[in-house]
Amino acid sequence: MGKQNKVLLLLAAIGLALVGTLYAASGWITNVHMEQGGDQLTVESGGIVEFKSGGLQKLSSQTLEITDSDTDLTLTAAYSGKITTNYGAAGNRTFTLPTAAAGIVIDVLHTDTDNLKVVKSGSDTILGTTNNSLVISAGTLGGSLQLVSPRALQWVIVGREGTWTDTTVLP
């Protein structure tokens, strides 16, 4: 199944009314239509795709929770899937990661003009670092860091924006 087909089927799966075209291996298919909430995608040039119960599922929108911290902060697993910022900090701040456990995802945004350090907890490691801590300088507003724990004792950096330095010292 081509990329365009997958995108169209995903749109169909979320229950949007669809009218348009898509490209299949055999060429352009025109007049594609699906009613909002329907379970069939009709291709006017021939064919129907039917969505059975338990197959593709309707997706919902998601609003992320954002926590601003103007003090040093020890994150817990409860911060997983949320965004934590250093907004309002009146000086350099340190965020300590929660104890690593499979499936925890931590997102940090640098939104204040002070330095921010993200450090590991206990005997955990941040793979790809020497010092198990990362610092972003005051001048790099808008920097972000996403870490995922695939298992106990390990953190993996899966997203990094801005200049994060592998050091234990705040500038």
N, C-alpha and C. Protein backbone atom coordinates (compact mmCIF):
# COMPACT_ATOMS: atom_id res chain seq x y z
N MET A 1 0.85 -1.17 0.00
CA MET A 1 0.00 0.00 0.00
C MET A 1 0.89 1.23 0.00
N GLY A 2 0.65 2.17 -0.90
CA GLY A 2 1.47 3.36 -1.03
C GLY A 2 1.23 4.35 0.10
N LYS A 3 2.14 5.32 0.21
CA LYS A 3 2.06 6.32 1.26
C LYS A 3 0.75 7.09 1.21
N GLN A 4 0.34 7.51 -0.01
CA GLN A 4 -0.90 8.27 -0.13
C GLN A 4 -2.10 7.44 0.30
N ASN A 5 -2.10 6.16 -0.03
CA ASN A 5 -3.21 5.29 0.36
C ASN A 5 -3.30 5.22 1.88
N LYS A 6 -2.15 5.07 2.53
CA LYS A 6 -2.13 4.98 3.99
C LYS A 6 -2.65 6.25 4.63
N VAL A 7 -2.24 7.40 4.10
CA VAL A 7 -2.71 8.68 4.64
C VAL A 7 -4.22 8.78 4.50
N LEU A 8 -4.74 8.44 3.35
CA LEU A 8 -6.17 8.50 3.12
C LEU A 8 -6.91 7.56 4.06
N LEU A 9 -6.40 6.34 4.20
CA LEU A 9 -7.06 5.39 5.09
C LEU A 9 -7.00 5.86 6.53
N LEU A 10 -5.89 6.52 6.93
CA LEU A 10 -5.81 7.07 8.27
C LEU A 10 -6.86 8.15 8.46
N LEU A 11 -7.00 9.04 7.47
CA LEU A 11 -8.03 10.07 7.57
C LEU A 11 -9.41 9.42 7.66
N ALA A 12 -9.62 8.37 6.91
CA ALA A 12 -10.89 7.68 6.97
C ALA A 12 -11.09 7.08 8.36
N ALA A 13 -10.02 6.58 8.93
CA ALA A 13 -10.11 5.93 10.24
C ALA A 13 -10.48 6.90 11.35
N ILE A 14 -10.13 8.18 11.18
CA ILE A 14 -10.46 9.13 12.24
C ILE A 14 -11.85 9.73 12.05
N GLY A 15 -12.56 9.25 11.08
CA GLY A 15 -13.96 9.62 10.95
C GLY A 15 -14.21 10.94 10.26
N LEU A 16 -13.28 11.42 9.47
CA LEU A 16 -13.49 12.66 8.75
C LEU A 16 -14.26 12.40 7.47
N ALA A 17 -15.07 13.34 7.06
CA ALA A 17 -15.71 13.23 5.75
C ALA A 17 -14.63 13.46 4.71
N LEU A 18 -14.53 12.57 3.76
CA LEU A 18 -13.48 12.66 2.75
C LEU A 18 -14.06 12.81 1.36
N VAL A 19 -13.48 13.69 0.61
CA VAL A 19 -13.76 13.79 -0.82
C VAL A 19 -12.45 14.18 -1.44
N GLY A 20 -12.00 13.47 -2.46
CA GLY A 20 -10.73 13.84 -3.06
C GLY A 20 -10.20 12.76 -3.96
N THR A 21 -8.89 12.75 -4.11
CA THR A 21 -8.22 11.77 -4.96
C THR A 21 -7.07 11.14 -4.20
N LEU A 22 -6.64 9.98 -4.67
CA LEU A 22 -5.44 9.39 -4.12
C LEU A 22 -4.72 8.64 -5.21
N TYR A 23 -3.45 8.39 -4.98
CA TYR A 23 -2.66 7.70 -5.97
C TYR A 23 -2.44 6.27 -5.52
N ALA A 24 -2.79 5.32 -6.36
CA ALA A 24 -2.55 3.91 -6.11
C ALA A 24 -1.52 3.43 -7.12
N ALA A 25 -1.04 2.22 -6.93
CA ALA A 25 -0.02 1.67 -7.83
C ALA A 25 -0.48 1.71 -9.28
N SER A 26 -1.78 1.60 -9.50
CA SER A 26 -2.31 1.58 -10.87
C SER A 26 -2.54 2.98 -11.44
N GLY A 27 -2.32 4.03 -10.65
CA GLY A 27 -2.52 5.39 -11.12
C GLY A 27 -3.47 6.14 -10.20
N TRP A 28 -3.87 7.34 -10.62
CA TRP A 28 -4.74 8.17 -9.80
C TRP A 28 -6.15 7.60 -9.76
N ILE A 29 -6.70 7.56 -8.57
CA ILE A 29 -8.10 7.17 -8.38
C ILE A 29 -8.83 8.45 -8.00
N THR A 30 -9.88 8.77 -8.74
CA THR A 30 -10.58 10.02 -8.47
C THR A 30 -11.89 9.76 -7.74
N ASN A 31 -12.43 10.83 -7.20
CA ASN A 31 -13.73 10.79 -6.53
C ASN A 31 -13.78 9.77 -5.40
N VAL A 32 -12.95 9.98 -4.42
CA VAL A 32 -12.97 9.16 -3.21
C VAL A 32 -13.88 9.85 -2.21
N HIS A 33 -14.73 9.10 -1.54
CA HIS A 33 -15.71 9.71 -0.66
C HIS A 33 -15.97 8.82 0.56
N MET A 34 -16.07 9.47 1.71
CA MET A 34 -16.47 8.76 2.93
C MET A 34 -17.25 9.73 3.80
N GLU A 35 -18.40 9.31 4.26
CA GLU A 35 -19.21 10.13 5.14
C GLU A 35 -18.59 10.14 6.54
N GLN A 36 -18.73 11.26 7.24
CA GLN A 36 -18.24 11.33 8.60
C GLN A 36 -18.93 10.26 9.45
N GLY A 37 -18.13 9.49 10.17
CA GLY A 37 -18.67 8.43 11.01
C GLY A 37 -19.03 7.17 10.25
N GLY A 38 -18.81 7.18 8.94
CA GLY A 38 -19.16 6.01 8.13
C GLY A 38 -18.17 4.88 8.29
N ASP A 39 -18.53 3.73 7.76
CA ASP A 39 -17.63 2.59 7.84
C ASP A 39 -17.20 2.10 6.46
N GLN A 40 -17.48 2.90 5.41
CA GLN A 40 -17.07 2.53 4.07
C GLN A 40 -16.45 3.72 3.36
N LEU A 41 -15.36 3.44 2.66
CA LEU A 41 -14.70 4.41 1.81
C LEU A 41 -15.02 4.00 0.38
N THR A 42 -15.75 4.85 -0.33
CA THR A 42 -16.17 4.51 -1.68
C THR A 42 -15.23 5.16 -2.69
N VAL A 43 -14.75 4.38 -3.63
CA VAL A 43 -13.91 4.86 -4.71
C VAL A 43 -14.78 4.84 -5.96
N GLU A 44 -15.16 6.04 -6.44
CA GLU A 44 -16.10 6.15 -7.55
C GLU A 44 -15.64 5.41 -8.81
N SER A 45 -14.32 5.35 -9.02
CA SER A 45 -13.82 4.67 -10.21
C SER A 45 -13.82 3.15 -10.04
N GLY A 46 -14.36 2.70 -8.92
CA GLY A 46 -14.48 1.27 -8.71
C GLY A 46 -13.90 0.82 -7.39
N GLY A 47 -14.74 0.28 -6.52
CA GLY A 47 -14.26 -0.31 -5.28
C GLY A 47 -14.77 0.35 -4.03
N ILE A 48 -14.76 -0.42 -2.97
CA ILE A 48 -15.16 0.04 -1.64
C ILE A 48 -14.17 -0.54 -0.65
N VAL A 49 -13.73 0.29 0.29
CA VAL A 49 -12.94 -0.18 1.41
C VAL A 49 -13.85 -0.11 2.61
N GLU A 50 -14.02 -1.22 3.32
CA GLU A 50 -14.92 -1.26 4.46
C GLU A 50 -14.11 -1.41 5.74
N PHE A 51 -14.50 -0.67 6.76
CA PHE A 51 -13.81 -0.70 8.04
C PHE A 51 -14.65 -1.54 9.00
N LYS A 52 -14.10 -2.67 9.39
CA LYS A 52 -14.80 -3.59 10.28
C LYS A 52 -14.54 -3.22 11.73
N SER A 53 -15.45 -3.58 12.60
CA SER A 53 -15.28 -3.36 14.03
C SER A 53 -14.00 -4.05 14.49
N GLY A 54 -13.20 -3.35 15.28
CA GLY A 54 -11.96 -3.91 15.78
C GLY A 54 -10.79 -3.67 14.83
N GLY A 55 -11.07 -3.12 13.64
CA GLY A 55 -10.01 -2.83 12.69
C GLY A 55 -9.43 -1.47 12.99
N LEU A 56 -9.44 -0.59 12.01
CA LEU A 56 -8.97 0.76 12.23
C LEU A 56 -9.87 1.45 13.25
N GLN A 57 -9.28 2.25 14.08
CA GLN A 57 -10.05 2.88 15.14
C GLN A 57 -10.01 4.39 15.01
N LYS A 58 -11.05 5.03 15.48
CA LYS A 58 -11.13 6.48 15.46
C LYS A 58 -10.10 7.04 16.45
N LEU A 59 -9.35 8.03 16.01
CA LEU A 59 -8.37 8.68 16.86
C LEU A 59 -8.99 9.91 17.50
N SER A 60 -8.48 10.30 18.64
CA SER A 60 -8.99 11.51 19.28
C SER A 60 -7.86 12.53 19.36
N SER A 61 -8.22 13.78 19.52
CA SER A 61 -7.19 14.81 19.66
C SER A 61 -6.64 14.74 21.08
N GLN A 62 -5.45 15.26 21.26
CA GLN A 62 -4.82 15.20 22.56
C GLN A 62 -4.23 16.56 22.89
N THR A 63 -4.45 17.02 24.11
CA THR A 63 -3.84 18.24 24.60
C THR A 63 -2.82 17.84 25.64
N LEU A 64 -1.58 18.29 25.47
CA LEU A 64 -0.53 17.94 26.41
C LEU A 64 -0.56 18.85 27.62
N GLU A 65 -0.28 18.28 28.77
CA GLU A 65 -0.19 19.05 30.00
C GLU A 65 1.20 19.65 30.10
N ILE A 66 1.27 20.93 30.44
CA ILE A 66 2.55 21.62 30.56
C ILE A 66 2.72 22.09 32.00
N THR A 67 3.89 21.79 32.56
CA THR A 67 4.22 22.21 33.93
C THR A 67 5.39 23.16 33.87
N ASP A 68 5.23 24.37 34.40
CA ASP A 68 6.31 25.34 34.51
C ASP A 68 6.93 25.20 35.89
N SER A 69 8.26 25.14 35.96
CA SER A 69 8.92 25.03 37.25
C SER A 69 9.98 26.11 37.37
N ASP A 70 9.83 26.98 38.35
CA ASP A 70 10.81 28.04 38.56
C ASP A 70 11.81 27.67 39.65
N THR A 71 11.81 26.39 40.06
CA THR A 71 12.75 25.88 41.05
C THR A 71 13.38 24.59 40.53
N ASP A 72 14.41 24.11 41.25
CA ASP A 72 14.94 22.79 40.91
C ASP A 72 13.80 21.79 41.08
N LEU A 73 13.82 20.73 40.28
CA LEU A 73 12.69 19.82 40.27
C LEU A 73 13.17 18.38 40.12
N THR A 74 12.64 17.50 40.97
CA THR A 74 12.86 16.07 40.81
C THR A 74 11.62 15.51 40.16
N LEU A 75 11.78 15.09 38.90
CA LEU A 75 10.64 14.56 38.15
C LEU A 75 10.30 13.15 38.64
N THR A 76 9.05 12.78 38.48
CA THR A 76 8.59 11.43 38.82
C THR A 76 7.97 10.82 37.57
N ALA A 77 7.61 9.56 37.65
CA ALA A 77 6.96 8.90 36.52
C ALA A 77 5.66 9.60 36.14
N ALA A 78 5.06 10.34 37.06
CA ALA A 78 3.82 11.08 36.78
C ALA A 78 4.03 12.17 35.73
N TYR A 79 5.28 12.57 35.48
CA TYR A 79 5.58 13.58 34.46
C TYR A 79 5.66 12.96 33.06
N SER A 80 5.61 11.65 32.96
CA SER A 80 5.72 10.97 31.67
C SER A 80 4.58 11.41 30.75
N GLY A 81 4.93 11.76 29.52
CA GLY A 81 3.92 12.18 28.54
C GLY A 81 3.49 13.63 28.71
N LYS A 82 4.11 14.34 29.62
CA LYS A 82 3.80 15.76 29.83
C LYS A 82 5.03 16.57 29.46
N ILE A 83 4.87 17.87 29.38
CA ILE A 83 5.99 18.76 29.05
C ILE A 83 6.32 19.59 30.29
N THR A 84 7.62 19.64 30.63
CA THR A 84 8.07 20.41 31.78
C THR A 84 8.99 21.51 31.29
N THR A 85 8.76 22.75 31.76
CA THR A 85 9.58 23.89 31.35
C THR A 85 10.23 24.53 32.58
N ASN A 86 11.23 25.35 32.32
CA ASN A 86 11.85 26.13 33.40
C ASN A 86 11.35 27.57 33.38
N TYR A 87 10.16 27.80 32.84
CA TYR A 87 9.60 29.14 32.73
C TYR A 87 9.45 29.78 34.12
N GLY A 88 9.89 31.01 34.24
CA GLY A 88 9.76 31.75 35.49
C GLY A 88 10.94 31.57 36.44
N ALA A 89 11.94 30.80 36.04
CA ALA A 89 13.09 30.56 36.92
C ALA A 89 13.83 31.86 37.19
N ALA A 90 14.26 32.03 38.44
CA ALA A 90 15.00 33.23 38.82
C ALA A 90 16.48 32.90 38.96
N GLY A 91 16.92 31.89 38.26
CA GLY A 91 18.33 31.48 38.31
C GLY A 91 18.48 30.14 37.62
N ASN A 92 19.70 29.63 37.60
CA ASN A 92 19.97 28.33 37.00
C ASN A 92 19.16 27.25 37.70
N ARG A 93 18.66 26.27 36.94
CA ARG A 93 17.82 25.22 37.50
C ARG A 93 18.30 23.85 37.08
N THR A 94 18.02 22.85 37.93
CA THR A 94 18.34 21.45 37.64
C THR A 94 17.07 20.63 37.72
N PHE A 95 16.81 19.86 36.67
CA PHE A 95 15.70 18.89 36.65
C PHE A 95 16.33 17.51 36.74
N THR A 96 15.95 16.75 37.75
CA THR A 96 16.44 15.38 37.91
C THR A 96 15.41 14.42 37.34
N LEU A 97 15.87 13.54 36.46
CA LEU A 97 14.96 12.57 35.83
C LEU A 97 14.42 11.60 36.88
N PRO A 98 13.24 11.04 36.63
CA PRO A 98 12.74 10.01 37.54
C PRO A 98 13.59 8.75 37.41
N THR A 99 13.45 7.84 38.35
CA THR A 99 14.13 6.56 38.24
C THR A 99 13.67 5.89 36.95
N ALA A 100 14.62 5.45 36.14
CA ALA A 100 14.30 4.88 34.83
C ALA A 100 13.46 3.61 34.97
N ALA A 101 12.42 3.52 34.16
CA ALA A 101 11.55 2.33 34.10
C ALA A 101 10.95 2.29 32.70
N ALA A 102 10.80 1.12 32.16
CA ALA A 102 10.34 0.96 30.78
C ALA A 102 9.08 1.76 30.49
N GLY A 103 9.15 2.56 29.41
CA GLY A 103 7.98 3.28 28.93
C GLY A 103 7.84 4.71 29.39
N ILE A 104 8.68 5.17 30.29
CA ILE A 104 8.59 6.57 30.74
C ILE A 104 9.18 7.47 29.66
N VAL A 105 8.45 8.55 29.33
CA VAL A 105 8.89 9.53 28.34
C VAL A 105 8.90 10.89 29.01
N ILE A 106 10.04 11.55 29.01
CA ILE A 106 10.16 12.86 29.64
C ILE A 106 10.50 13.90 28.58
N ASP A 107 9.72 14.98 28.54
CA ASP A 107 9.94 16.10 27.62
C ASP A 107 10.23 17.36 28.42
N VAL A 108 11.33 18.04 28.07
CA VAL A 108 11.74 19.26 28.76
C VAL A 108 11.89 20.37 27.72
N LEU A 109 11.34 21.55 28.04
CA LEU A 109 11.51 22.73 27.19
C LEU A 109 12.26 23.81 27.96
N HIS A 110 13.21 24.46 27.28
CA HIS A 110 13.97 25.56 27.87
C HIS A 110 13.30 26.86 27.45
N THR A 111 12.51 27.45 28.36
CA THR A 111 11.71 28.63 28.01
C THR A 111 12.03 29.85 28.86
N ASP A 112 13.13 29.80 29.60
CA ASP A 112 13.52 30.92 30.44
C ASP A 112 14.95 31.31 30.11
N THR A 113 15.35 32.50 30.49
CA THR A 113 16.69 32.99 30.14
C THR A 113 17.79 32.48 31.05
N ASP A 114 17.51 31.55 31.94
CA ASP A 114 18.52 30.97 32.81
C ASP A 114 18.95 29.60 32.29
N ASN A 115 20.12 29.14 32.74
CA ASN A 115 20.63 27.84 32.33
C ASN A 115 19.77 26.73 32.94
N LEU A 116 19.70 25.61 32.23
CA LEU A 116 18.92 24.46 32.69
C LEU A 116 19.76 23.20 32.55
N LYS A 117 19.83 22.43 33.63
CA LYS A 117 20.56 21.16 33.61
C LYS A 117 19.57 20.02 33.85
N VAL A 118 19.69 18.95 33.05
CA VAL A 118 18.88 17.74 33.21
C VAL A 118 19.84 16.63 33.60
N VAL A 119 19.59 15.99 34.75
CA VAL A 119 20.50 14.97 35.26
C VAL A 119 19.76 13.66 35.50
N LYS A 120 20.50 12.57 35.51
CA LYS A 120 19.95 11.25 35.78
C LYS A 120 19.72 11.09 37.28
N SER A 121 18.99 10.07 37.62
CA SER A 121 18.69 9.76 39.01
C SER A 121 19.49 8.53 39.44
N GLY A 122 20.02 8.54 40.65
CA GLY A 122 20.67 7.36 41.21
C GLY A 122 21.71 6.75 40.29
N SER A 123 21.62 5.41 40.08
CA SER A 123 22.60 4.70 39.26
C SER A 123 22.16 4.56 37.80
N ASP A 124 21.12 5.31 37.40
CA ASP A 124 20.68 5.30 36.00
C ASP A 124 21.79 5.89 35.11
N THR A 125 21.68 5.63 33.81
CA THR A 125 22.59 6.25 32.84
C THR A 125 21.78 6.90 31.73
N ILE A 126 22.34 7.96 31.17
CA ILE A 126 21.79 8.57 29.96
C ILE A 126 22.71 8.13 28.84
N LEU A 127 22.25 7.20 28.03
CA LEU A 127 23.10 6.65 26.96
C LEU A 127 23.55 7.75 26.01
N GLY A 128 24.79 7.67 25.59
CA GLY A 128 25.33 8.66 24.68
C GLY A 128 25.94 9.86 25.38
N THR A 129 25.97 9.85 26.70
CA THR A 129 26.62 10.93 27.45
C THR A 129 27.73 10.33 28.30
N THR A 130 28.69 11.16 28.64
CA THR A 130 29.79 10.74 29.51
C THR A 130 29.45 11.06 30.96
N ASN A 131 28.82 12.21 31.17
CA ASN A 131 28.58 12.71 32.51
C ASN A 131 27.18 12.42 33.04
N ASN A 132 26.32 11.80 32.23
CA ASN A 132 24.94 11.51 32.63
C ASN A 132 24.16 12.75 33.02
N SER A 133 24.51 13.88 32.42
CA SER A 133 23.73 15.09 32.60
C SER A 133 23.93 15.96 31.37
N LEU A 134 22.93 16.78 31.09
CA LEU A 134 22.98 17.67 29.93
C LEU A 134 22.60 19.07 30.38
N VAL A 135 23.32 20.08 29.86
CA VAL A 135 23.06 21.47 30.22
C VAL A 135 22.78 22.25 28.95
N ILE A 136 21.75 23.10 29.01
CA ILE A 136 21.49 24.03 27.91
C ILE A 136 21.72 25.43 28.46
N SER A 137 22.41 26.27 27.67
CA SER A 137 22.78 27.59 28.17
C SER A 137 21.64 28.58 28.05
N ALA A 138 21.79 29.67 28.78
CA ALA A 138 20.76 30.70 28.87
C ALA A 138 20.37 31.26 27.51
N GLY A 139 21.30 31.32 26.58
CA GLY A 139 21.03 31.94 25.29
C GLY A 139 20.28 31.06 24.30
N THR A 140 19.95 29.86 24.68
CA THR A 140 19.31 28.93 23.75
C THR A 140 17.84 28.74 24.09
N LEU A 141 17.08 29.81 24.09
CA LEU A 141 15.65 29.71 24.37
C LEU A 141 14.97 28.86 23.32
N GLY A 142 14.01 28.06 23.73
CA GLY A 142 13.28 27.21 22.80
C GLY A 142 13.92 25.84 22.63
N GLY A 143 15.00 25.58 23.31
CA GLY A 143 15.62 24.27 23.23
C GLY A 143 14.70 23.23 23.87
N SER A 144 14.82 22.00 23.41
CA SER A 144 14.00 20.93 23.97
C SER A 144 14.80 19.64 24.06
N LEU A 145 14.34 18.76 24.92
CA LEU A 145 15.00 17.48 25.13
C LEU A 145 13.92 16.45 25.41
N GLN A 146 13.98 15.33 24.71
CA GLN A 146 13.06 14.23 24.98
C GLN A 146 13.88 12.98 25.27
N LEU A 147 13.57 12.36 26.40
CA LEU A 147 14.26 11.15 26.82
C LEU A 147 13.23 10.05 27.04
N VAL A 148 13.60 8.83 26.66
CA VAL A 148 12.73 7.67 26.84
C VAL A 148 13.52 6.63 27.61
N SER A 149 12.85 5.98 28.55
CA SER A 149 13.47 4.87 29.27
C SER A 149 12.95 3.56 28.69
N PRO A 150 13.83 2.80 28.01
CA PRO A 150 13.39 1.52 27.45
C PRO A 150 13.36 0.40 28.50
N ARG A 151 14.05 0.64 29.62
CA ARG A 151 14.13 -0.38 30.69
C ARG A 151 14.74 0.27 31.92
N ALA A 152 14.74 -0.45 33.01
CA ALA A 152 15.32 0.05 34.25
C ALA A 152 16.78 0.45 34.02
N LEU A 153 17.21 1.49 34.68
CA LEU A 153 18.58 1.99 34.69
C LEU A 153 19.04 2.71 33.43
N GLN A 154 18.18 2.86 32.41
CA GLN A 154 18.61 3.48 31.15
C GLN A 154 17.67 4.58 30.67
N TRP A 155 18.28 5.65 30.19
CA TRP A 155 17.59 6.71 29.48
C TRP A 155 18.22 6.86 28.11
N VAL A 156 17.41 7.09 27.08
CA VAL A 156 17.90 7.30 25.73
C VAL A 156 17.38 8.65 25.24
N ILE A 157 18.28 9.46 24.69
CA ILE A 157 17.88 10.75 24.12
C ILE A 157 17.29 10.46 22.74
N VAL A 158 16.01 10.74 22.57
CA VAL A 158 15.36 10.49 21.27
C VAL A 158 15.06 11.79 20.53
N GLY A 159 15.18 12.91 21.21
CA GLY A 159 14.97 14.21 20.58
C GLY A 159 15.75 15.28 21.30
N ARG A 160 16.40 16.13 20.52
CA ARG A 160 17.20 17.20 21.11
C ARG A 160 17.19 18.38 20.15
N GLU A 161 16.82 19.54 20.65
CA GLU A 161 16.80 20.77 19.85
C GLU A 161 17.58 21.80 20.64
N GLY A 162 18.46 22.52 19.99
CA GLY A 162 19.30 23.48 20.70
C GLY A 162 20.63 22.83 21.06
N THR A 163 21.49 23.59 21.73
CA THR A 163 22.82 23.10 22.08
C THR A 163 22.84 22.63 23.53
N TRP A 164 22.76 21.33 23.71
CA TRP A 164 22.84 20.70 25.03
C TRP A 164 24.27 20.18 25.20
N THR A 165 24.93 20.56 26.28
CA THR A 165 26.31 20.18 26.52
C THR A 165 26.35 19.04 27.53
N ASP A 166 27.21 18.06 27.26
CA ASP A 166 27.39 16.90 28.13
C ASP A 166 28.35 17.31 29.27
N THR A 167 27.79 17.85 30.32
CA THR A 167 28.61 18.34 31.43
C THR A 167 27.80 18.28 32.73
N THR A 168 28.48 18.36 33.85
CA THR A 168 27.78 18.39 35.14
C THR A 168 27.76 19.80 35.72
N VAL A 169 28.45 20.73 35.05
CA VAL A 169 28.62 22.08 35.59
C VAL A 169 27.70 23.06 34.88
N LEU A 170 26.92 23.80 35.66
CA LEU A 170 26.14 24.90 35.08
C LEU A 170 27.07 26.06 34.80
N PRO A 171 26.95 26.69 33.62
CA PRO A 171 27.83 27.83 33.29
C PRO A 171 27.64 28.99 34.26
